[in-house]
Protein backbone atom coordinates (compact mmCIF):
# COMPACT_ATOMS: atom_id res chain seq x y z
CA MET A 1 -39.29 61.40 26.90
CA LYS A 2 -40.87 63.67 29.49
CA GLU A 3 -38.93 66.83 30.28
CA ASP A 4 -38.99 66.13 34.02
CA THR A 5 -37.21 62.80 33.48
CA VAL A 6 -34.29 64.32 31.59
CA MET A 7 -31.22 64.66 33.75
CA ALA A 8 -29.51 68.04 33.94
CA LYS A 9 -26.46 68.33 31.71
CA THR A 10 -23.27 70.32 32.07
CA VAL A 11 -21.62 71.40 28.82
CA LEU A 12 -18.18 72.95 28.57
CA LEU A 13 -17.66 75.16 25.51
CA LEU A 14 -14.05 75.89 24.55
CA GLY A 15 -12.69 78.34 22.02
CA VAL A 16 -10.24 81.16 21.45
CA ARG A 17 -12.83 83.96 21.64
CA ALA A 18 -14.47 84.50 25.02
CA ASP A 19 -16.96 86.93 23.44
CA LEU A 20 -18.16 84.28 20.98
CA LEU A 21 -18.49 81.71 23.77
CA GLU A 22 -20.66 84.11 25.79
CA THR A 23 -22.87 84.82 22.78
CA VAL A 24 -23.34 81.10 22.14
CA LYS A 25 -24.16 80.48 25.83
CA GLN A 26 -26.81 83.23 25.70
CA GLU A 27 -28.30 81.89 22.46
CA LEU A 28 -28.51 78.36 23.86
CA GLN A 29 -29.96 79.05 27.29
CA THR A 30 -31.96 75.90 27.95
CA PRO A 31 -33.61 74.62 31.12
CA GLY A 32 -31.63 71.73 32.54
CA VAL A 33 -28.39 72.63 30.74
CA ASP A 34 -25.56 74.42 32.51
CA PHE A 35 -23.09 75.97 30.09
CA GLN A 36 -19.54 76.67 31.16
CA SER A 37 -16.89 78.14 28.93
CA GLY A 38 -13.18 78.62 28.67
CA THR A 39 -10.36 79.51 26.34
CA GLY A 40 -7.61 77.13 27.39
CA GLU A 41 -6.35 74.17 29.37
CA ALA A 42 -6.47 75.98 32.72
CA ASP A 43 -10.19 76.62 32.22
CA VAL A 44 -10.74 72.94 31.42
CA ASP A 45 -8.97 71.87 34.60
CA SER A 46 -11.02 74.31 36.67
CA ALA A 47 -14.31 73.24 35.09
CA LEU A 48 -13.56 69.55 35.62
CA ARG A 49 -12.80 70.18 39.30
CA GLN A 50 -15.99 72.21 39.80
CA ALA A 51 -18.56 70.07 37.97
CA ASP A 52 -19.23 66.68 36.49
CA ILE A 53 -19.03 67.66 32.82
CA ASP A 54 -21.21 65.69 30.41
CA HIS A 55 -20.08 67.14 27.08
CA VAL A 56 -17.07 69.18 25.96
CA ILE A 57 -17.32 71.05 22.67
CA ILE A 58 -14.07 72.42 21.29
CA GLY A 59 -14.01 75.19 18.71
CA GLY A 60 -11.90 75.02 15.58
CA GLY A 61 -9.79 78.06 16.44
CA LEU A 62 -7.71 76.33 19.08
CA ASP A 63 -4.50 74.93 17.65
CA LEU A 64 -4.08 71.20 17.26
CA GLU A 65 -1.76 70.79 20.24
CA ALA A 66 -4.22 72.58 22.53
CA ARG A 67 -7.15 70.51 21.23
CA ALA A 68 -5.24 67.27 21.75
CA ALA A 69 -4.20 68.36 25.25
CA VAL A 70 -7.83 69.16 26.12
CA VAL A 71 -9.00 65.75 24.91
CA ARG A 72 -6.34 64.04 27.04
CA GLN A 73 -7.20 66.22 30.04
CA VAL A 74 -10.92 65.47 29.80
CA PHE A 75 -10.51 61.71 29.44
CA GLN A 76 -7.96 61.55 32.27
CA SER A 77 -10.40 63.37 34.54
CA SER A 78 -13.76 61.93 33.53
CA ASP A 79 -15.13 58.56 32.53
CA ARG A 80 -18.47 60.04 31.47
CA ALA A 81 -17.67 63.13 29.40
CA THR A 82 -17.94 63.11 25.63
CA VAL A 83 -15.67 65.35 23.51
CA HIS A 84 -16.65 66.96 20.21
CA MET A 85 -14.31 68.98 17.98
CA LYS A 86 -15.56 71.50 15.43
CA ASP A 87 -14.00 71.82 12.00
CA GLN A 88 -11.77 74.78 11.18
CA MET A 89 -13.25 75.50 7.75
CA SER A 90 -16.56 77.02 8.91
CA GLY A 91 -14.86 79.62 11.11
CA PRO A 92 -16.39 81.27 14.16
CA GLU A 93 -19.74 81.64 12.33
CA GLY A 94 -20.04 77.86 12.37
CA PHE A 95 -19.63 77.43 16.12
CA LEU A 96 -23.27 78.03 17.14
CA PRO A 97 -24.72 75.71 14.46
CA PHE A 98 -22.16 73.05 15.38
CA VAL A 99 -22.99 73.25 19.10
CA LYS A 100 -26.72 73.11 18.32
CA ALA A 101 -26.22 70.02 16.13
CA VAL A 102 -24.11 68.22 18.72
CA LEU A 103 -26.47 68.97 21.59
CA GLY A 104 -29.51 68.10 19.49
CA ALA A 105 -28.03 64.71 18.66
CA LEU A 106 -27.12 64.10 22.31
CA SER A 107 -30.35 65.40 23.85
CA SER A 108 -31.58 61.96 24.86
CA TYR A 109 -28.18 60.33 25.40
CA GLU A 110 -28.11 58.92 28.93
CA PRO A 111 -25.39 56.28 28.97
CA PRO A 112 -25.72 53.65 31.68
CA GLU A 113 -22.51 52.50 33.30
CA SER A 114 -21.54 49.19 31.79
CA PRO A 115 -20.12 46.43 33.98
CA ASN A 116 -17.68 45.88 31.08
CA ALA A 117 -16.46 49.47 30.91
CA ILE A 118 -12.78 50.18 31.39
CA LEU A 119 -12.83 53.23 33.65
CA ARG A 120 -9.61 55.20 33.75
CA ALA A 121 -10.35 58.52 35.40
CA GLY A 122 -10.70 57.15 38.90
CA ARG A 123 -13.26 59.75 39.97
CA PRO A 124 -16.24 58.54 41.96
CA ARG A 125 -19.59 58.65 40.22
CA PRO A 126 -21.87 61.51 41.35
CA ASP A 127 -24.52 59.01 42.49
CA ALA A 128 -22.05 56.90 44.48
CA GLY A 129 -22.91 57.52 48.07
């Protein structure tokens, strides 16, 4: 796939350590990818209002209730976003490799809207004029 045909992506990184999130964003600076970050549900809400998020990657340090709440929040607000949760075992050192693996696997993922899709978020598509 030619680089100029790849659509820009917006990725939301979530975790308990803002310093780690900033380091990961700096390490992953990639043309055509806008990284946003946050440490809690309020940041998720703000990011979803500001941008059409393609992928949400949740670190393993957030407690289970917070992770579940984020998943619910994302899917209630977006019909296009994917959500990926990191394990807890690999600790903060595993966050960058996990994000790289997820984004590498999704680099060419451009889902078309299916006429059979059950859309629940109720937000208009960005290309709907």
